[in-house]
């Protein structure tokens, strides 16, 4: 691990809490290493690194950071990448897609990669052809969930990507669906539907009416404004 990234990991580790790490592992149910860094401390560490001499970590360093397998380090890599949006080119897109295909992540990391990195690229028409289809066909739930989360920003705007949403949804709704018994997949579906209610509410209602036997009560839950569990 390069010195700079090692220092950032050290700062995150120092800001962590054994008690918070234990609680986070139970909530996330992830194979990732968790330091238990409180949100305020996480923001402070990133703020300090954004002001460091030489600027924030570059793309190769961020790839190394994500590859560390540490939950907070992966979130840091996503957040730092998000702040570099003006620099995103094909190399960044390739990196984000590689992160999205990781199967050893938590729901929080999968959602962040999808919504914060792939989502803006999709909304701008900059994702390579077939990339979402690859995620939709993944045998692992986490790349699938990253792809579903990537639809969120576009679904909030309009219903143009609705057919892609339906292709993802078929993996977790209906008899014989690949992830039909996966809580992580159903929660990803709920999150996408909640965002889609802002941009294409009629499509959401039609979908839920059609699939009421598979998703009993979800229409009332969304229309009632109740909080939806985003977890895994």
C-alpha atoms as a PDB file:
ATOM      1  CA  UNK A   1       0.000   0.000   0.000  1.00  0.00           C
ATOM      2  CA  UNK A   2       1.452   3.345  -1.042  1.00  0.00           C
ATOM      3  CA  UNK A   3       2.447   5.751   1.696  1.00  0.00           C
ATOM      4  CA  UNK A   4      -0.339   8.294   1.049  1.00  0.00           C
ATOM      5  CA  UNK A   5      -3.101   5.719   1.037  1.00  0.00           C
ATOM      6  CA  UNK A   6      -1.561   4.010   4.045  1.00  0.00           C
ATOM      7  CA  UNK A   7      -1.737   7.333   5.893  1.00  0.00           C
ATOM      8  CA  UNK A   8      -5.382   7.835   4.958  1.00  0.00           C
ATOM      9  CA  UNK A   9      -6.208   4.333   6.177  1.00  0.00           C
ATOM     10  CA  UNK A  10      -4.309   5.116   9.352  1.00  0.00           C
ATOM     11  CA  UNK A  11      -6.338   8.298   9.879  1.00  0.00           C
ATOM     12  CA  UNK A  12      -9.588   6.385   9.371  1.00  0.00           C
ATOM     13  CA  UNK A  13      -8.477   3.625  11.730  1.00  0.00           C
ATOM     14  CA  UNK A  14      -7.506   6.166  14.392  1.00  0.00           C
ATOM     15  CA  UNK A  15     -10.925   7.820  14.119  1.00  0.00           C
ATOM     16  CA  UNK A  16     -12.715   4.497  14.550  1.00  0.00           C
ATOM     17  CA  UNK A  17     -14.426   2.940  17.532  1.00  0.00           C
ATOM     18  CA  UNK A  18     -14.460  -0.756  18.403  1.00  0.00           C
ATOM     19  CA  UNK A  19     -18.003  -0.454  19.740  1.00  0.00           C
ATOM     20  CA  UNK A  20     -19.253   1.354  16.621  1.00  0.00           C
ATOM     21  CA  UNK A  21     -17.429  -1.118  14.390  1.00  0.00           C
ATOM     22  CA  UNK A  22     -19.205  -4.012  16.086  1.00  0.00           C
ATOM     23  CA  UNK A  23     -22.610  -2.361  15.607  1.00  0.00           C
ATOM     24  CA  UNK A  24     -21.855  -1.456  11.993  1.00  0.00           C
ATOM     25  CA  UNK A  25     -20.810  -5.005  11.125  1.00  0.00           C
ATOM     26  CA  UNK A  26     -24.095  -6.307  12.527  1.00  0.00           C
ATOM     27  CA  UNK A  27     -26.098  -3.740  10.548  1.00  0.00           C
ATOM     28  CA  UNK A  28     -24.158  -4.069   7.302  1.00  0.00           C
ATOM     29  CA  UNK A  29     -23.570  -7.838   7.427  1.00  0.00           C
ATOM     30  CA  UNK A  30     -20.498  -7.363   5.267  1.00  0.00           C
ATOM     31  CA  UNK A  31     -17.232  -9.260   4.719  1.00  0.00           C
ATOM     32  CA  UNK A  32     -15.446  -5.891   4.639  1.00  0.00           C
ATOM     33  CA  UNK A  33     -13.257  -4.773   7.507  1.00  0.00           C
ATOM     34  CA  UNK A  34     -15.045  -2.011   9.441  1.00  0.00           C
ATOM     35  CA  UNK A  35     -13.257   0.609  11.560  1.00  0.00           C
ATOM     36  CA  UNK A  36     -16.405   2.112  13.088  1.00  0.00           C
ATOM     37  CA  UNK A  37     -15.760   5.744  12.105  1.00  0.00           C
ATOM     38  CA  UNK A  38     -18.556   8.156  13.156  1.00  0.00           C
ATOM     39  CA  UNK A  39     -19.978  10.286  10.296  1.00  0.00           C
ATOM     40  CA  UNK A  40     -18.577  13.538  11.723  1.00  0.00           C
ATOM     41  CA  UNK A  41     -15.094  12.062  12.047  1.00  0.00           C
ATOM     42  CA  UNK A  42     -15.303  10.574   8.553  1.00  0.00           C
ATOM     43  CA  UNK A  43     -16.090  14.019   7.126  1.00  0.00           C
ATOM     44  CA  UNK A  44     -13.256  15.570   9.106  1.00  0.00           C
ATOM     45  CA  UNK A  45     -10.722  13.046   7.795  1.00  0.00           C
ATOM     46  CA  UNK A  46     -11.807  13.646   4.195  1.00  0.00           C
ATOM     47  CA  UNK A  47     -11.753  17.406   4.674  1.00  0.00           C
ATOM     48  CA  UNK A  48      -8.199  17.215   5.952  1.00  0.00           C
ATOM     49  CA  UNK A  49      -7.128  15.097   3.013  1.00  0.00           C
ATOM     50  CA  UNK A  50      -8.758  17.399   0.487  1.00  0.00           C
ATOM     51  CA  UNK A  51      -6.570  20.230   1.830  1.00  0.00           C
ATOM     52  CA  UNK A  52      -3.321  18.285   1.925  1.00  0.00           C
ATOM     53  CA  UNK A  53      -0.331  19.371  -0.111  1.00  0.00           C
ATOM     54  CA  UNK A  54      -0.570  17.857  -3.567  1.00  0.00           C
ATOM     55  CA  UNK A  55      -4.349  17.593  -3.466  1.00  0.00           C
ATOM     56  CA  UNK A  56      -6.575  14.549  -2.931  1.00  0.00           C
ATOM     57  CA  UNK A  57      -5.529  11.026  -3.989  1.00  0.00           C
ATOM     58  CA  UNK A  58      -5.371  10.440  -7.735  1.00  0.00           C
ATOM     59  CA  UNK A  59      -7.243   7.711  -9.619  1.00  0.00           C
ATOM     60  CA  UNK A  60      -4.631   4.939  -9.155  1.00  0.00           C
ATOM     61  CA  UNK A  61      -4.536   5.700  -5.431  1.00  0.00           C
ATOM     62  CA  UNK A  62      -8.319   5.586  -5.212  1.00  0.00           C
ATOM     63  CA  UNK A  63      -8.328   2.203  -6.931  1.00  0.00           C
ATOM     64  CA  UNK A  64      -5.885   1.020  -4.290  1.00  0.00           C
ATOM     65  CA  UNK A  65      -8.021   2.529  -1.542  1.00  0.00           C
ATOM     66  CA  UNK A  66     -11.145   0.727  -2.730  1.00  0.00           C
ATOM     67  CA  UNK A  67      -9.148  -2.473  -3.069  1.00  0.00           C
ATOM     68  CA  UNK A  68      -8.164  -2.326   0.605  1.00  0.00           C
ATOM     69  CA  UNK A  69     -11.408  -4.082   1.518  1.00  0.00           C
ATOM     70  CA  UNK A  70     -12.112  -1.577   4.312  1.00  0.00           C
ATOM     71  CA  UNK A  71     -15.693  -0.290   4.447  1.00  0.00           C
ATOM     72  CA  UNK A  72     -14.817   3.304   5.343  1.00  0.00           C
ATOM     73  CA  UNK A  73     -11.941   3.367   2.865  1.00  0.00           C
ATOM     74  CA  UNK A  74     -14.299   2.346   0.081  1.00  0.00           C
ATOM     75  CA  UNK A  75     -16.764   5.057   1.030  1.00  0.00           C
ATOM     76  CA  UNK A  76     -13.865   7.521   1.070  1.00  0.00           C
ATOM     77  CA  UNK A  77     -12.822   6.420  -2.420  1.00  0.00           C
ATOM     78  CA  UNK A  78     -16.369   6.975  -3.673  1.00  0.00           C
ATOM     79  CA  UNK A  79     -16.682  10.392  -2.044  1.00  0.00           C
ATOM     80  CA  UNK A  80     -13.302  11.631  -3.260  1.00  0.00           C
ATOM     81  CA  UNK A  81     -14.136  10.390  -6.764  1.00  0.00           C
ATOM     82  CA  UNK A  82     -17.487  12.166  -6.658  1.00  0.00           C
ATOM     83  CA  UNK A  83     -15.719  15.442  -5.884  1.00  0.00           C
ATOM     84  CA  UNK A  84     -13.511  14.939  -8.967  1.00  0.00           C
ATOM     85  CA  UNK A  85     -16.496  14.820 -11.315  1.00  0.00           C
ATOM     86  CA  UNK A  86     -15.136  17.517 -13.616  1.00  0.00           C
ATOM     87  CA  UNK A  87     -12.199  15.198 -14.374  1.00  0.00           C
ATOM     88  CA  UNK A  88     -14.223  12.071 -15.158  1.00  0.00           C
ATOM     89  CA  UNK A  89     -13.250  10.504 -18.447  1.00  0.00           C
ATOM     90  CA  UNK A  90     -13.329   6.980 -19.879  1.00  0.00           C
ATOM     91  CA  UNK A  91     -10.687   5.857 -17.387  1.00  0.00           C
ATOM     92  CA  UNK A  92     -12.821   6.944 -14.456  1.00  0.00           C
ATOM     93  CA  UNK A  93     -15.850   5.206 -15.946  1.00  0.00           C
ATOM     94  CA  UNK A  94     -13.885   1.978 -16.283  1.00  0.00           C
ATOM     95  CA  UNK A  95     -12.803   2.260 -12.648  1.00  0.00           C
ATOM     96  CA  UNK A  96     -16.357   2.872 -11.396  1.00  0.00           C
ATOM     97  CA  UNK A  97     -17.690  -0.103 -13.336  1.00  0.00           C
ATOM     98  CA  UNK A  98     -14.973  -2.288 -11.812  1.00  0.00           C
ATOM     99  CA  UNK A  99     -16.037  -1.130  -8.348  1.00  0.00           C
ATOM    100  CA  UNK A 100     -19.672  -1.828  -9.188  1.00  0.00           C
ATOM    101  CA  UNK A 101     -18.792  -5.432 -10.068  1.00  0.00           C
ATOM    102  CA  UNK A 102     -17.260  -6.124  -6.646  1.00  0.00           C
ATOM    103  CA  UNK A 103     -19.150  -8.866  -4.808  1.00  0.00           C
ATOM    104  CA  UNK A 104     -17.438  -8.508  -1.408  1.00  0.00           C
ATOM    105  CA  UNK A 105     -19.070  -5.198  -0.484  1.00  0.00           C
ATOM    106  CA  UNK A 106     -21.832  -3.969   1.814  1.00  0.00           C
ATOM    107  CA  UNK A 107     -25.171  -2.599   0.635  1.00  0.00           C
ATOM    108  CA  UNK A 108     -23.984   0.877   1.581  1.00  0.00           C
ATOM    109  CA  UNK A 109     -20.954   0.706  -0.704  1.00  0.00           C
ATOM    110  CA  UNK A 110     -22.916  -0.860  -3.576  1.00  0.00           C
ATOM    111  CA  UNK A 111     -25.556   1.870  -3.329  1.00  0.00           C
ATOM    112  CA  UNK A 112     -22.938   4.632  -3.152  1.00  0.00           C
ATOM    113  CA  UNK A 113     -21.037   3.394  -6.205  1.00  0.00           C
ATOM    114  CA  UNK A 114     -24.278   3.054  -8.129  1.00  0.00           C
ATOM    115  CA  UNK A 115     -26.083   6.250  -7.180  1.00  0.00           C
ATOM    116  CA  UNK A 116     -23.132   8.637  -6.746  1.00  0.00           C
ATOM    117  CA  UNK A 117     -20.819   7.488  -9.540  1.00  0.00           C
ATOM    118  CA  UNK A 118     -22.641   5.436 -12.168  1.00  0.00           C
ATOM    119  CA  UNK A 119     -25.887   7.393 -11.723  1.00  0.00           C
ATOM    120  CA  UNK A 120     -24.552  10.740 -12.989  1.00  0.00           C
ATOM    121  CA  UNK A 121     -22.782   8.999 -15.886  1.00  0.00           C
ATOM    122  CA  UNK A 122     -26.023   7.279 -16.890  1.00  0.00           C
ATOM    123  CA  UNK A 123     -27.988  10.517 -16.645  1.00  0.00           C
ATOM    124  CA  UNK A 124     -25.449  12.157 -18.968  1.00  0.00           C
ATOM    125  CA  UNK A 125     -25.470   9.234 -21.440  1.00  0.00           C
ATOM    126  CA  UNK A 126     -21.829   8.398 -20.727  1.00  0.00           C
ATOM    127  CA  UNK A 127     -22.054   4.749 -19.658  1.00  0.00           C
ATOM    128  CA  UNK A 128     -20.764   2.278 -22.275  1.00  0.00           C
ATOM    129  CA  UNK A 129     -23.423   0.260 -24.080  1.00  0.00           C
ATOM    130  CA  UNK A 130     -24.191  -2.991 -22.289  1.00  0.00           C
ATOM    131  CA  UNK A 131     -22.671  -2.011 -18.945  1.00  0.00           C
ATOM    132  CA  UNK A 132     -25.986  -1.878 -17.093  1.00  0.00           C
ATOM    133  CA  UNK A 133     -27.103  -5.104 -18.750  1.00  0.00           C
ATOM    134  CA  UNK A 134     -23.949  -6.766 -17.409  1.00  0.00           C
ATOM    135  CA  UNK A 135     -24.785  -5.640 -13.877  1.00  0.00           C
ATOM    136  CA  UNK A 136     -28.417  -6.729 -14.248  1.00  0.00           C
ATOM    137  CA  UNK A 137     -27.266 -10.227 -15.232  1.00  0.00           C
ATOM    138  CA  UNK A 138     -24.762 -10.574 -12.376  1.00  0.00           C
ATOM    139  CA  UNK A 139     -25.046 -13.804 -10.357  1.00  0.00           C
ATOM    140  CA  UNK A 140     -24.084 -11.790  -7.259  1.00  0.00           C
ATOM    141  CA  UNK A 141     -26.643  -9.480  -5.677  1.00  0.00           C
ATOM    142  CA  UNK A 142     -24.215  -6.613  -5.011  1.00  0.00           C
ATOM    143  CA  UNK A 143     -23.298  -5.725  -8.623  1.00  0.00           C
ATOM    144  CA  UNK A 144     -27.005  -6.061  -9.405  1.00  0.00           C
ATOM    145  CA  UNK A 145     -27.826  -3.648  -6.582  1.00  0.00           C
ATOM    146  CA  UNK A 146     -25.164  -1.158  -7.709  1.00  0.00           C
ATOM    147  CA  UNK A 147     -26.741  -1.164 -11.154  1.00  0.00           C
ATOM    148  CA  UNK A 148     -30.223  -0.701  -9.727  1.00  0.00           C
ATOM    149  CA  UNK A 149     -28.981   2.216  -7.612  1.00  0.00           C
ATOM    150  CA  UNK A 150     -27.451   3.786 -10.743  1.00  0.00           C
ATOM    151  CA  UNK A 151     -30.961   4.152 -12.174  1.00  0.00           C
ATOM    152  CA  UNK A 152     -32.063   6.377  -9.284  1.00  0.00           C
ATOM    153  CA  UNK A 153     -30.998   9.836 -10.540  1.00  0.00           C
ATOM    154  CA  UNK A 154     -32.561   9.178 -13.947  1.00  0.00           C
ATOM    155  CA  UNK A 155     -35.771   7.741 -12.454  1.00  0.00           C
ATOM    156  CA  UNK A 156     -36.151  10.870 -10.336  1.00  0.00           C
ATOM    157  CA  UNK A 157     -36.086  12.945 -13.526  1.00  0.00           C
ATOM    158  CA  UNK A 158     -38.356  10.971 -15.896  1.00  0.00           C
ATOM    159  CA  UNK A 159     -39.329   7.481 -17.016  1.00  0.00           C
ATOM    160  CA  UNK A 160     -36.942   7.074 -19.943  1.00  0.00           C
ATOM    161  CA  UNK A 161     -34.920   4.343 -18.199  1.00  0.00           C
ATOM    162  CA  UNK A 162     -38.024   2.542 -16.941  1.00  0.00           C
ATOM    163  CA  UNK A 163     -37.515  -0.436 -19.324  1.00  0.00           C
ATOM    164  CA  UNK A 164     -34.039  -0.894 -17.822  1.00  0.00           C
ATOM    165  CA  UNK A 165     -35.574  -0.777 -14.333  1.00  0.00           C
ATOM    166  CA  UNK A 166     -37.996  -3.528 -15.338  1.00  0.00           C
ATOM    167  CA  UNK A 167     -35.095  -5.679 -16.560  1.00  0.00           C
ATOM    168  CA  UNK A 168     -33.421  -5.346 -13.154  1.00  0.00           C
ATOM    169  CA  UNK A 169     -36.677  -5.914 -11.279  1.00  0.00           C
ATOM    170  CA  UNK A 170     -37.296  -9.239 -13.011  1.00  0.00           C
ATOM    171  CA  UNK A 171     -34.346 -10.614 -11.075  1.00  0.00           C
ATOM    172  CA  UNK A 172     -36.109 -10.210  -7.725  1.00  0.00           C
ATOM    173  CA  UNK A 173     -39.846 -10.159  -8.457  1.00  0.00           C
ATOM    174  CA  UNK A 174     -41.938 -13.101  -9.541  1.00  0.00           C
ATOM    175  CA  UNK A 175     -41.793 -16.865  -9.299  1.00  0.00           C
ATOM    176  CA  UNK A 176     -38.366 -18.287 -10.034  1.00  0.00           C
ATOM    177  CA  UNK A 177     -36.623 -14.901  -9.913  1.00  0.00           C
ATOM    178  CA  UNK A 178     -32.889 -15.090  -9.215  1.00  0.00           C
ATOM    179  CA  UNK A 179     -32.904 -12.912  -6.096  1.00  0.00           C
ATOM    180  CA  UNK A 180     -36.528 -13.417  -5.057  1.00  0.00           C
ATOM    181  CA  UNK A 181     -35.566 -14.400  -1.531  1.00  0.00           C
ATOM    182  CA  UNK A 182     -32.751 -11.853  -1.167  1.00  0.00           C
ATOM    183  CA  UNK A 183     -33.615  -9.037   1.245  1.00  0.00           C
ATOM    184  CA  UNK A 184     -30.813  -6.965  -0.263  1.00  0.00           C
ATOM    185  CA  UNK A 185     -32.414  -7.132  -3.705  1.00  0.00           C
ATOM    186  CA  UNK A 186     -35.907  -6.274  -2.474  1.00  0.00           C
ATOM    187  CA  UNK A 187     -34.566  -3.303  -0.533  1.00  0.00           C
ATOM    188  CA  UNK A 188     -32.756  -2.108  -3.653  1.00  0.00           C
ATOM    189  CA  UNK A 189     -36.011  -2.410  -5.586  1.00  0.00           C
ATOM    190  CA  UNK A 190     -37.894  -0.421  -2.942  1.00  0.00           C
ATOM    191  CA  UNK A 191     -35.287   2.339  -2.983  1.00  0.00           C
ATOM    192  CA  UNK A 192     -35.474   2.648  -6.772  1.00  0.00           C
ATOM    193  CA  UNK A 193     -39.273   2.767  -6.705  1.00  0.00           C
ATOM    194  CA  UNK A 194     -39.217   5.474  -4.059  1.00  0.00           C
ATOM    195  CA  UNK A 195     -36.948   7.617  -6.234  1.00  0.00           C
ATOM    196  CA  UNK A 196     -39.015   6.867  -9.342  1.00  0.00           C
ATOM    197  CA  UNK A 197     -42.154   8.229  -7.653  1.00  0.00           C
ATOM    198  CA  UNK A 198     -40.666  11.707  -8.134  1.00  0.00           C
ATOM    199  CA  UNK A 199     -40.120  11.379 -11.882  1.00  0.00           C
ATOM    200  CA  UNK A 200     -42.603   8.801 -13.152  1.00  0.00           C
ATOM    201  CA  UNK A 201     -45.280   8.145 -10.498  1.00  0.00           C
ATOM    202  CA  UNK A 202     -47.769   6.649 -12.954  1.00  0.00           C
ATOM    203  CA  UNK A 203     -45.276   3.991 -14.016  1.00  0.00           C
ATOM    204  CA  UNK A 204     -44.564   3.150 -10.377  1.00  0.00           C
ATOM    205  CA  UNK A 205     -48.248   2.780  -9.516  1.00  0.00           C
ATOM    206  CA  UNK A 206     -48.890   0.614 -12.585  1.00  0.00           C
ATOM    207  CA  UNK A 207     -45.912  -1.574 -11.727  1.00  0.00           C
ATOM    208  CA  UNK A 208     -47.004  -2.071  -8.124  1.00  0.00           C
ATOM    209  CA  UNK A 209     -50.594  -2.842  -9.108  1.00  0.00           C
ATOM    210  CA  UNK A 210     -49.354  -5.447 -11.597  1.00  0.00           C
ATOM    211  CA  UNK A 211     -47.053  -7.031  -9.015  1.00  0.00           C
ATOM    212  CA  UNK A 212     -49.192  -6.741  -5.890  1.00  0.00           C
ATOM    213  CA  UNK A 213     -49.141 -10.561  -5.346  1.00  0.00           C
ATOM    214  CA  UNK A 214     -45.330 -10.484  -5.287  1.00  0.00           C
ATOM    215  CA  UNK A 215     -44.989  -7.213  -3.329  1.00  0.00           C
ATOM    216  CA  UNK A 216     -47.993  -7.150  -0.989  1.00  0.00           C
ATOM    217  CA  UNK A 217     -48.567  -3.841   0.735  1.00  0.00           C
ATOM    218  CA  UNK A 218     -45.671  -2.014  -0.918  1.00  0.00           C
ATOM    219  CA  UNK A 219     -47.948   0.391  -2.807  1.00  0.00           C
ATOM    220  CA  UNK A 220     -49.547   1.563   0.446  1.00  0.00           C
ATOM    221  CA  UNK A 221     -46.131   1.824   2.100  1.00  0.00           C
ATOM    222  CA  UNK A 222     -44.720   4.092  -0.605  1.00  0.00           C
ATOM    223  CA  UNK A 223     -47.820   6.245  -0.954  1.00  0.00           C
ATOM    224  CA  UNK A 224     -48.056   6.636   2.799  1.00  0.00           C
ATOM    225  CA  UNK A 225     -44.570   8.131   2.928  1.00  0.00           C
ATOM    226  CA  UNK A 226     -43.288   5.570   5.426  1.00  0.00           C
ATOM    227  CA  UNK A 227     -39.567   5.070   5.644  1.00  0.00           C
ATOM    228  CA  UNK A 228     -38.231   2.160   3.632  1.00  0.00           C
ATOM    229  CA  UNK A 229     -35.348   0.100   4.982  1.00  0.00           C
ATOM    230  CA  UNK A 230     -32.349   0.643   2.721  1.00  0.00           C
ATOM    231  CA  UNK A 231     -30.316  -2.109   4.299  1.00  0.00           C
ATOM    232  CA  UNK A 232     -29.052  -5.426   3.092  1.00  0.00           C
END
